[in-house]
N, C-alpha and C. Protein backbone atom coordinates (compact mmCIF):
# COMPACT_ATOMS: atom_id res chain seq x y z
N PRO A 1 -3.62 -21.84 20.92
CA PRO A 1 -1.82 -21.10 20.80
C PRO A 1 -1.77 -22.53 19.25
N ALA A 2 -0.72 -23.86 19.34
CA ALA A 2 -0.58 -24.82 18.46
C ALA A 2 -1.90 -25.31 17.53
N ALA A 3 -3.09 -25.38 17.51
CA ALA A 3 -3.83 -25.23 16.61
C ALA A 3 -3.83 -24.63 15.89
N VAL A 4 -4.11 -22.95 16.08
CA VAL A 4 -4.51 -21.49 15.70
C VAL A 4 -2.66 -21.37 14.87
N ASP A 5 -2.11 -21.66 15.37
CA ASP A 5 -0.31 -21.35 13.97
C ASP A 5 -0.54 -22.81 13.25
N HIS A 6 -1.22 -23.69 13.64
CA HIS A 6 -1.10 -24.85 12.90
C HIS A 6 -2.69 -24.50 11.67
N ILE A 7 -3.65 -24.02 12.06
CA ILE A 7 -4.12 -23.82 10.93
C ILE A 7 -4.12 -22.01 10.24
N ARG A 8 -3.05 -21.29 10.34
CA ARG A 8 -2.50 -20.07 9.95
C ARG A 8 -0.96 -21.09 8.89
N LYS A 9 -0.50 -21.69 8.97
CA LYS A 9 0.19 -22.00 8.02
C LYS A 9 -0.14 -23.24 7.11
N SER A 10 -1.70 -23.27 7.93
CA SER A 10 -2.11 -24.65 6.64
C SER A 10 -2.23 -23.75 5.44
N TYR A 11 -2.82 -22.42 5.67
CA TYR A 11 -3.52 -20.90 4.93
C TYR A 11 -2.72 -20.84 4.10
N ALA A 12 -1.44 -20.59 4.83
CA ALA A 12 -0.32 -19.93 4.47
C ALA A 12 0.17 -21.05 3.11
N GLY A 13 -0.23 -22.07 3.28
CA GLY A 13 1.11 -23.44 1.97
C GLY A 13 0.06 -22.89 0.82
N THR A 14 -1.44 -23.09 1.51
CA THR A 14 -2.75 -22.79 0.76
C THR A 14 -2.55 -21.94 -0.53
N LEU A 15 -2.53 -21.00 -0.11
CA LEU A 15 -1.74 -19.36 -0.71
C LEU A 15 -0.50 -19.00 -1.07
N TYR A 16 0.60 -20.40 -0.85
CA TYR A 16 2.13 -20.28 -1.48
C TYR A 16 1.73 -21.46 -2.67
N MET A 17 0.83 -21.98 -2.81
CA MET A 17 0.19 -22.94 -4.09
C MET A 17 -0.46 -22.18 -4.98
N ALA A 18 -1.09 -21.83 -4.44
CA ALA A 18 -1.93 -20.44 -5.41
C ALA A 18 -1.48 -19.85 -6.29
N ASP A 19 -0.29 -19.08 -5.16
CA ASP A 19 0.33 -18.01 -6.07
C ASP A 19 1.20 -19.11 -7.34
N LEU A 20 2.17 -20.04 -6.51
CA LEU A 20 2.76 -20.34 -7.47
C LEU A 20 2.58 -20.97 -8.60
N TRP A 21 0.79 -21.19 -9.24
CA TRP A 21 0.32 -22.08 -9.60
C TRP A 21 0.18 -20.87 -10.61
N LEU A 22 -0.10 -19.69 -10.49
CA LEU A 22 -1.06 -18.56 -10.30
C LEU A 22 0.58 -18.20 -12.36
N GLY A 23 1.77 -17.75 -11.11
CA GLY A 23 2.63 -17.53 -11.54
C GLY A 23 2.89 -18.27 -12.90
N LYS A 24 2.79 -19.71 -12.43
CA LYS A 24 2.36 -20.58 -14.19
C LYS A 24 1.67 -20.19 -14.64
N PHE A 25 1.09 -19.52 -14.71
CA PHE A 25 -0.43 -19.43 -16.13
C PHE A 25 0.59 -17.67 -16.27
N LEU A 26 0.32 -17.12 -16.06
CA LEU A 26 1.52 -15.85 -16.10
C LEU A 26 2.45 -15.67 -16.56
N ASP A 27 3.08 -16.94 -15.96
CA ASP A 27 4.89 -16.85 -16.79
C ASP A 27 3.70 -17.48 -18.91
N ALA A 28 2.91 -18.18 -18.82
CA ALA A 28 2.49 -19.16 -20.15
C ALA A 28 1.88 -17.54 -21.10
N MET A 29 1.67 -16.58 -20.51
CA MET A 29 0.81 -15.50 -20.40
C MET A 29 2.04 -14.74 -21.31
N ASP A 30 2.31 -14.89 -21.04
CA ASP A 30 4.23 -13.79 -21.62
C ASP A 30 4.44 -14.71 -22.50
N ARG A 31 4.58 -16.14 -21.99
CA ARG A 31 5.70 -17.26 -23.33
C ARG A 31 4.64 -17.37 -24.77
N TYR A 32 3.58 -16.80 -24.44
CA TYR A 32 2.73 -17.39 -25.72
C TYR A 32 2.34 -15.27 -26.56
N ARG A 33 3.01 -14.77 -25.51
CA ARG A 33 2.01 -13.04 -25.88
C ARG A 33 1.43 -12.99 -26.64
N MET A 34 -0.21 -13.23 -24.83
CA MET A 34 -1.41 -13.33 -24.92
C MET A 34 -1.70 -12.53 -24.49
N TRP A 35 -0.64 -10.79 -23.92
CA TRP A 35 -0.97 -9.54 -23.28
C TRP A 35 -1.54 -8.50 -24.14
N ASN A 36 -1.47 -8.74 -25.73
CA ASN A 36 -2.30 -7.47 -26.06
C ASN A 36 -3.46 -8.20 -26.64
N ASP A 37 -3.90 -9.83 -26.35
CA ASP A 37 -5.39 -10.50 -26.82
C ASP A 37 -6.32 -10.34 -25.87
N THR A 38 -6.17 -10.88 -24.47
CA THR A 38 -6.83 -12.25 -23.90
C THR A 38 -6.80 -10.82 -22.26
N VAL A 39 -8.35 -11.13 -22.09
CA VAL A 39 -8.25 -9.48 -20.74
C VAL A 39 -8.32 -11.32 -19.70
N VAL A 40 -7.78 -11.01 -18.85
CA VAL A 40 -7.22 -12.10 -17.47
C VAL A 40 -8.33 -10.97 -16.39
N VAL A 41 -9.28 -12.31 -15.92
CA VAL A 41 -9.85 -11.35 -14.32
C VAL A 41 -9.43 -12.57 -13.49
N LEU A 42 -8.72 -11.76 -12.00
CA LEU A 42 -8.95 -12.98 -11.08
C LEU A 42 -9.49 -11.87 -9.83
N THR A 43 -10.73 -12.97 -9.73
CA THR A 43 -11.30 -11.86 -8.17
C THR A 43 -12.50 -13.91 -7.26
N THR A 44 -11.79 -13.78 -6.56
CA THR A 44 -12.51 -14.42 -5.77
C THR A 44 -13.95 -14.15 -5.07
N ASP A 45 -15.71 -15.15 -4.18
CA ASP A 45 -16.52 -15.14 -3.36
C ASP A 45 -16.63 -13.95 -3.15
N HIS A 46 -15.19 -14.81 -1.65
CA HIS A 46 -16.20 -13.90 -0.27
C HIS A 46 -14.43 -14.56 0.23
N GLY A 47 -13.86 -13.61 1.06
CA GLY A 47 -12.32 -13.46 2.59
C GLY A 47 -13.22 -15.12 3.08
N HIS A 48 -11.82 -15.18 4.12
CA HIS A 48 -11.68 -15.97 4.61
C HIS A 48 -11.36 -15.38 6.28
N MET A 49 -11.84 -15.78 7.72
CA MET A 49 -11.41 -15.30 8.72
C MET A 49 -10.07 -16.32 9.22
N LEU A 50 -9.59 -15.75 9.51
CA LEU A 50 -8.21 -16.51 10.56
C LEU A 50 -8.20 -15.51 12.03
N GLY A 51 -9.06 -15.82 12.63
CA GLY A 51 -8.75 -15.05 13.69
C GLY A 51 -9.38 -12.98 13.89
N GLU A 52 -9.59 -12.75 13.04
CA GLU A 52 -9.60 -11.40 13.33
C GLU A 52 -11.15 -11.33 13.63
N GLN A 53 -11.39 -10.03 14.29
CA GLN A 53 -12.92 -9.74 14.49
C GLN A 53 -12.85 -11.18 15.88
N GLY A 54 -12.54 -11.93 16.04
CA GLY A 54 -12.67 -13.39 16.48
C GLY A 54 -12.85 -14.04 16.21
N TYR A 55 -13.17 -14.02 14.79
CA TYR A 55 -13.98 -15.41 13.87
C TYR A 55 -13.03 -15.77 13.51
N TRP A 56 -13.61 -17.20 12.74
CA TRP A 56 -12.51 -18.15 12.05
C TRP A 56 -14.02 -19.03 10.80
N ALA A 57 -13.19 -18.87 9.75
CA ALA A 57 -13.11 -19.32 8.60
C ALA A 57 -15.03 -18.48 7.91
N LYS A 58 -16.04 -19.21 7.57
CA LYS A 58 -16.70 -18.16 7.04
C LYS A 58 -18.15 -17.95 7.73
N ASN A 59 -19.26 -17.97 6.89
CA ASN A 59 -20.26 -18.09 6.62
C ASN A 59 -21.51 -17.98 7.77
N TYR A 60 -20.12 -17.97 8.92
CA TYR A 60 -21.80 -17.83 10.36
C TYR A 60 -21.98 -16.70 11.23
N MET A 61 -20.84 -15.50 11.00
CA MET A 61 -20.61 -14.66 11.36
C MET A 61 -21.25 -12.89 10.26
N LEU A 62 -20.75 -11.90 10.95
CA LEU A 62 -21.39 -10.75 9.54
C LEU A 62 -20.74 -10.58 8.23
N GLN A 63 -20.75 -10.51 7.73
CA GLN A 63 -20.20 -10.47 6.41
C GLN A 63 -19.23 -9.10 6.96
N TYR A 64 -17.94 -9.29 7.94
CA TYR A 64 -17.24 -8.02 8.17
C TYR A 64 -15.80 -8.07 6.77
N ARG A 65 -16.29 -6.20 6.75
CA ARG A 65 -14.74 -6.33 5.66
C ARG A 65 -13.99 -7.46 5.17
N GLU A 66 -13.45 -8.28 6.22
CA GLU A 66 -12.59 -9.30 5.91
C GLU A 66 -12.92 -10.07 4.28
N LEU A 67 -14.58 -10.98 4.50
CA LEU A 67 -15.01 -11.71 4.07
C LEU A 67 -15.97 -10.54 2.85
N ALA A 68 -16.01 -9.13 3.16
CA ALA A 68 -16.71 -9.15 1.97
C ALA A 68 -16.26 -8.61 0.74
N GLN A 69 -14.60 -7.58 1.36
CA GLN A 69 -14.26 -6.68 0.44
C GLN A 69 -12.98 -7.79 -0.25
N ILE A 70 -13.50 -8.56 -1.54
CA ILE A 70 -12.57 -9.17 -2.37
C ILE A 70 -11.52 -8.47 -3.41
N PRO A 71 -10.55 -8.84 -3.26
CA PRO A 71 -9.50 -8.09 -4.77
C PRO A 71 -10.62 -8.57 -6.28
N MET A 72 -9.87 -7.30 -6.93
CA MET A 72 -11.04 -8.31 -8.29
C MET A 72 -10.06 -7.23 -9.14
N ILE A 73 -9.39 -8.11 -9.82
CA ILE A 73 -7.47 -7.75 -10.88
C ILE A 73 -7.98 -8.35 -11.93
N ILE A 74 -8.48 -6.92 -12.59
CA ILE A 74 -8.77 -7.10 -13.77
C ILE A 74 -6.74 -6.40 -15.38
N CYS A 75 -7.03 -7.44 -15.93
CA CYS A 75 -6.17 -7.12 -17.21
C CYS A 75 -6.60 -7.04 -18.70
N ASP A 76 -7.10 -5.95 -18.51
CA ASP A 76 -7.78 -5.64 -20.24
C ASP A 76 -6.57 -4.57 -20.96
N PRO A 77 -6.20 -5.81 -22.55
CA PRO A 77 -5.72 -4.77 -23.29
C PRO A 77 -5.91 -3.15 -24.05
N ALA A 78 -7.20 -3.19 -23.75
CA ALA A 78 -7.80 -1.51 -24.36
C ALA A 78 -8.00 -0.77 -23.23
N GLY A 79 -7.61 -1.37 -22.54
CA GLY A 79 -7.67 -0.42 -21.38
C GLY A 79 -6.46 0.94 -21.44
N GLN A 80 -6.34 1.13 -20.14
CA GLN A 80 -5.58 2.56 -20.07
C GLN A 80 -4.20 2.62 -19.65
N GLY A 81 -4.14 1.12 -19.83
CA GLY A 81 -2.52 0.73 -19.08
C GLY A 81 -1.71 0.89 -18.38
N GLY A 82 -1.04 0.13 -18.11
CA GLY A 82 -0.46 0.63 -16.48
C GLY A 82 -0.67 -0.46 -15.51
N SER A 83 -0.62 0.02 -14.31
CA SER A 83 -0.72 -0.95 -13.01
C SER A 83 -1.43 0.47 -12.44
N ARG A 84 -2.56 -0.11 -11.96
CA ARG A 84 -3.67 1.16 -10.63
C ARG A 84 -4.73 0.92 -10.76
N ARG A 85 -5.05 1.46 -9.31
CA ARG A 85 -6.15 0.71 -8.38
C ARG A 85 -7.34 1.67 -7.91
N ILE A 86 -8.59 1.16 -9.10
CA ILE A 86 -9.43 2.23 -9.03
C ILE A 86 -10.84 2.47 -8.01
N SER A 87 -10.87 3.16 -8.01
CA SER A 87 -11.48 3.25 -6.36
C SER A 87 -12.95 2.95 -6.06
N ALA A 88 -13.55 2.58 -7.59
CA ALA A 88 -15.22 3.04 -7.89
C ALA A 88 -15.56 1.37 -7.13
N LEU A 89 -17.13 1.44 -6.94
CA LEU A 89 -17.44 0.25 -6.00
C LEU A 89 -18.15 -0.58 -7.07
N THR A 90 -17.46 -1.89 -7.18
CA THR A 90 -18.51 -2.38 -7.58
C THR A 90 -18.56 -3.93 -7.38
N THR A 91 -19.39 -5.07 -7.74
CA THR A 91 -19.96 -6.29 -7.26
C THR A 91 -19.42 -7.14 -8.18
N THR A 92 -20.11 -8.29 -7.73
CA THR A 92 -19.44 -9.75 -8.91
C THR A 92 -20.47 -9.74 -10.28
N ILE A 93 -21.63 -9.12 -9.75
CA ILE A 93 -22.81 -9.33 -10.64
C ILE A 93 -22.30 -8.30 -11.70
N ASP A 94 -21.22 -7.48 -11.57
CA ASP A 94 -20.78 -6.99 -12.88
C ASP A 94 -19.97 -8.23 -13.82
N LEU A 95 -19.42 -8.73 -13.27
CA LEU A 95 -18.41 -9.62 -14.25
C LEU A 95 -19.14 -10.06 -15.43
N MET A 96 -20.14 -10.57 -15.27
CA MET A 96 -20.95 -11.41 -16.57
C MET A 96 -21.02 -10.20 -17.31
N PRO A 97 -22.06 -9.34 -17.48
CA PRO A 97 -22.20 -8.13 -18.04
C PRO A 97 -20.72 -7.04 -19.16
N THR A 98 -19.73 -7.62 -17.90
CA THR A 98 -18.63 -7.33 -19.16
C THR A 98 -17.85 -8.28 -19.94
N LEU A 99 -18.26 -9.04 -19.86
CA LEU A 99 -17.38 -10.78 -20.11
C LEU A 99 -17.90 -10.28 -21.55
N MET A 100 -19.83 -9.83 -21.56
CA MET A 100 -20.76 -9.75 -22.45
C MET A 100 -20.40 -8.89 -23.12
N GLU A 101 -20.37 -7.69 -22.43
CA GLU A 101 -19.69 -6.22 -24.23
C GLU A 101 -17.89 -6.85 -24.40
N LEU A 102 -17.78 -7.87 -23.94
CA LEU A 102 -16.38 -7.36 -24.26
C LEU A 102 -16.41 -9.20 -25.84
N HIS A 103 -17.56 -9.52 -25.44
CA HIS A 103 -17.61 -10.30 -27.05
C HIS A 103 -19.02 -10.43 -27.97
N GLU A 104 -19.46 -8.88 -28.13
CA GLU A 104 -20.33 -8.22 -28.30
C GLU A 104 -21.90 -8.72 -28.29
N THR A 105 -21.80 -9.41 -27.68
CA THR A 105 -22.91 -10.07 -26.57
C THR A 105 -24.12 -8.67 -25.66
N LYS A 106 -25.49 -9.53 -26.88
CA LYS A 106 -26.08 -8.35 -26.05
C LYS A 106 -26.62 -9.07 -24.60
N LEU A 107 -27.02 -8.26 -23.41
CA LEU A 107 -27.65 -8.64 -22.21
C LEU A 107 -29.01 -8.97 -22.05
N PRO A 108 -29.31 -9.85 -21.70
CA PRO A 108 -30.60 -10.43 -21.00
C PRO A 108 -31.14 -8.73 -20.34
N PRO A 109 -32.50 -8.82 -20.71
CA PRO A 109 -32.93 -7.48 -20.08
C PRO A 109 -32.78 -7.87 -18.62
N TYR A 110 -32.96 -8.18 -17.74
CA TYR A 110 -32.73 -9.24 -16.50
C TYR A 110 -31.83 -9.14 -15.61
N VAL A 111 -30.84 -8.96 -16.61
CA VAL A 111 -29.72 -8.60 -15.60
C VAL A 111 -29.03 -7.16 -14.68
N GLN A 112 -28.91 -7.58 -13.70
CA GLN A 112 -28.95 -6.17 -12.83
C GLN A 112 -27.31 -5.80 -12.55
N GLY A 113 -25.98 -6.28 -12.94
CA GLY A 113 -25.67 -5.87 -13.37
C GLY A 113 -24.34 -4.57 -14.21
N LYS A 114 -23.86 -4.38 -14.31
CA LYS A 114 -23.21 -3.59 -15.51
C LYS A 114 -21.40 -3.96 -16.51
N SER A 115 -21.63 -3.69 -17.39
CA SER A 115 -20.22 -3.64 -17.88
C SER A 115 -19.43 -2.55 -16.84
N LEU A 116 -18.46 -3.52 -16.47
CA LEU A 116 -17.35 -2.77 -15.88
C LEU A 116 -16.15 -2.08 -16.60
N LEU A 117 -16.09 -1.82 -18.57
CA LEU A 117 -15.12 -1.78 -19.25
C LEU A 117 -15.33 -0.33 -19.25
N PRO A 118 -16.75 0.92 -18.89
CA PRO A 118 -16.30 1.95 -18.98
C PRO A 118 -15.70 2.68 -17.82
N VAL A 119 -15.54 2.28 -16.81
CA VAL A 119 -14.15 2.28 -15.36
C VAL A 119 -13.09 1.98 -16.29
N LEU A 120 -12.74 0.40 -16.04
CA LEU A 120 -11.12 -0.20 -16.96
C LEU A 120 -10.93 1.11 -17.60
N ARG A 121 -11.51 1.60 -18.67
CA ARG A 121 -11.50 1.69 -19.78
C ARG A 121 -11.18 4.02 -19.03
N GLY A 122 -11.55 3.69 -18.61
CA GLY A 122 -11.33 5.50 -17.96
C GLY A 122 -12.46 6.73 -18.24
N ILE A 123 -13.62 5.92 -18.60
CA ILE A 123 -14.53 6.80 -19.65
C ILE A 123 -15.65 7.08 -18.16
N SER A 124 -15.59 6.22 -17.35
CA SER A 124 -16.54 6.79 -15.61
C SER A 124 -15.39 6.49 -15.23
N LYS A 125 -15.42 6.94 -14.30
CA LYS A 125 -15.00 6.65 -12.35
C LYS A 125 -15.90 6.71 -11.29
N THR A 126 -17.49 6.07 -11.56
CA THR A 126 -17.92 5.48 -11.00
C THR A 126 -18.92 4.28 -11.85
N GLN A 127 -19.53 3.00 -10.86
CA GLN A 127 -19.70 1.81 -11.04
C GLN A 127 -21.37 1.92 -10.10
N HIS A 128 -21.49 2.57 -9.02
CA HIS A 128 -22.69 1.82 -8.79
C HIS A 128 -22.46 3.59 -7.37
N ASP A 129 -23.64 3.61 -7.38
CA ASP A 129 -23.76 4.52 -6.03
C ASP A 129 -23.87 3.51 -4.65
N ALA A 130 -24.54 2.68 -4.32
CA ALA A 130 -24.13 1.37 -3.35
C ALA A 130 -24.36 0.50 -4.53
N VAL A 131 -24.55 -0.99 -3.09
CA VAL A 131 -24.56 -2.16 -3.77
C VAL A 131 -25.40 -2.65 -2.84
N LEU A 132 -25.79 -4.39 -2.95
CA LEU A 132 -26.13 -5.04 -1.98
C LEU A 132 -24.89 -6.11 -2.12
N TYR A 133 -25.02 -6.62 -1.01
CA TYR A 133 -24.71 -7.73 -0.51
C TYR A 133 -24.58 -8.84 0.65
N GLY A 134 -24.64 -10.19 0.34
CA GLY A 134 -24.75 -10.83 1.65
C GLY A 134 -24.57 -12.30 1.33
N THR A 135 -25.22 -13.00 2.20
CA THR A 135 -24.68 -14.97 2.16
C THR A 135 -26.58 -14.85 2.16
N PHE A 136 -27.04 -15.65 1.35
CA PHE A 136 -28.21 -16.26 1.50
C PHE A 136 -28.77 -17.15 2.63
N ALA A 137 -30.08 -16.33 3.33
CA ALA A 137 -30.38 -16.26 4.44
C ALA A 137 -29.95 -15.65 5.38
N LYS A 138 -28.93 -15.15 4.76
CA LYS A 138 -28.57 -14.29 6.54
C LYS A 138 -28.74 -12.74 6.22
N ASP A 139 -27.34 -11.90 6.72
CA ASP A 139 -27.76 -11.33 6.51
C ASP A 139 -27.74 -9.94 5.33
N VAL A 140 -28.05 -8.88 5.28
CA VAL A 140 -28.60 -8.47 3.97
C VAL A 140 -27.50 -6.64 4.10
N ASN A 141 -26.75 -6.70 3.44
CA ASN A 141 -26.00 -6.03 3.09
C ASN A 141 -25.56 -5.17 2.48
N LEU A 142 -25.91 -3.16 2.45
CA LEU A 142 -26.49 -2.56 1.65
C LEU A 142 -24.88 -1.21 2.27
N THR A 143 -24.19 -1.33 0.75
CA THR A 143 -22.58 -0.40 1.08
C THR A 143 -23.10 1.32 0.07
N ASP A 144 -22.54 2.46 0.65
CA ASP A 144 -21.81 2.86 -0.48
C ASP A 144 -20.52 2.89 -0.05
N GLY A 145 -20.48 2.60 0.11
CA GLY A 145 -18.51 2.06 0.30
C GLY A 145 -18.08 2.78 1.55
N ARG A 146 -18.59 3.14 1.88
CA ARG A 146 -18.27 4.07 3.09
C ARG A 146 -18.51 3.71 4.01
N TYR A 147 -20.17 3.48 4.25
CA TYR A 147 -21.22 2.90 5.24
C TYR A 147 -21.77 1.39 4.87
N THR A 148 -22.19 0.97 5.45
CA THR A 148 -22.28 -0.18 5.95
C THR A 148 -23.53 -0.49 6.35
N TYR A 149 -24.92 -0.55 5.27
CA TYR A 149 -25.90 -1.34 6.67
C TYR A 149 -27.01 -2.60 6.30
N CYS A 150 -26.34 -3.29 8.05
CA CYS A 150 -26.85 -4.77 8.44
C CYS A 150 -28.08 -4.91 8.54
N ARG A 151 -28.84 -5.35 7.88
CA ARG A 151 -29.55 -6.42 8.10
C ARG A 151 -30.39 -7.71 8.24
N GLN A 152 -29.87 -8.31 9.43
CA GLN A 152 -30.18 -9.75 10.07
C GLN A 152 -31.92 -10.61 9.27
N PRO A 153 -32.54 -11.80 9.72
CA PRO A 153 -33.30 -12.32 8.61
C PRO A 153 -33.71 -12.58 10.40
N GLU A 154 -35.37 -12.28 10.41
CA GLU A 154 -35.66 -11.94 11.52
C GLU A 154 -36.42 -13.27 12.65
N GLU A 155 -36.07 -13.70 13.79
CA GLU A 155 -35.80 -15.00 14.29
C GLU A 155 -37.90 -15.95 13.94
N GLY A 156 -37.69 -17.04 13.20
CA GLY A 156 -39.14 -17.02 12.74
C GLY A 156 -39.36 -16.99 11.92
N ALA A 157 -38.52 -16.16 11.08
CA ALA A 157 -39.35 -16.00 10.11
C ALA A 157 -38.05 -17.11 9.29
N GLU A 158 -39.02 -17.65 8.10
CA GLU A 158 -38.61 -18.83 7.08
C GLU A 158 -36.99 -18.96 6.56
N VAL A 159 -36.51 -17.99 6.23
CA VAL A 159 -35.08 -18.39 5.87
C VAL A 159 -34.30 -18.21 7.31
N PHE A 160 -34.58 -17.52 8.61
CA PHE A 160 -34.12 -17.47 9.47
C PHE A 160 -33.17 -18.87 9.22
N HIS A 161 -34.95 -20.16 9.73
CA HIS A 161 -34.60 -21.75 9.93
C HIS A 161 -33.29 -22.12 8.85
N HIS A 162 -32.50 -21.44 8.05
CA HIS A 162 -31.49 -21.85 7.08
C HIS A 162 -30.47 -21.64 7.23
N THR A 163 -30.16 -20.52 8.29
CA THR A 163 -28.94 -19.46 8.80
C THR A 163 -27.88 -20.41 8.94
N ALA A 164 -26.53 -19.96 9.01
CA ALA A 164 -25.57 -20.99 9.87
C ALA A 164 -24.76 -20.39 11.10
N ALA A 165 -25.40 -19.55 11.34
CA ALA A 165 -26.26 -19.16 13.02
C ALA A 165 -25.18 -20.06 14.53
N LEU A 166 -24.88 -20.20 14.53
CA LEU A 166 -24.66 -20.90 16.27
C LEU A 166 -25.69 -20.47 17.34
N ARG A 167 -26.44 -21.81 17.49
CA ARG A 167 -27.70 -22.07 18.66
C ARG A 167 -26.65 -22.89 19.86
């Protein structure tokens, strides 16, 4: 119990520091009146387990919702304005096409993500019917936002030897 308490307090301290510096950034956006011509994107690559589902940290368990459903906050001056939650199924591979469209830059033909601007600007309500996600050499997941199918590497397969699985 003492170790769990220490880990959770350390994590809370990290969140406090991130909140403090994010606040300074947002204050600078206000101070220099940047909200009318600056797109701000806040996201992360994964969550972190703090005892949920009986796990700690990341990368050795299944990609539970606590790890995979990450925040994405976008302030788009050309958007519909105001705070709102969009339920469209998105993925981080959509960020690069979004930024490239904002800069009016042509996408390379091999890019699989697609710009989030139609969803952000109210032109479309959907982004993807389903998305794949996972961690290299671990489980691969397919979700439609409601249900998730998980497939793990077969034992003995070359990638299986690179997993973070407990042995």
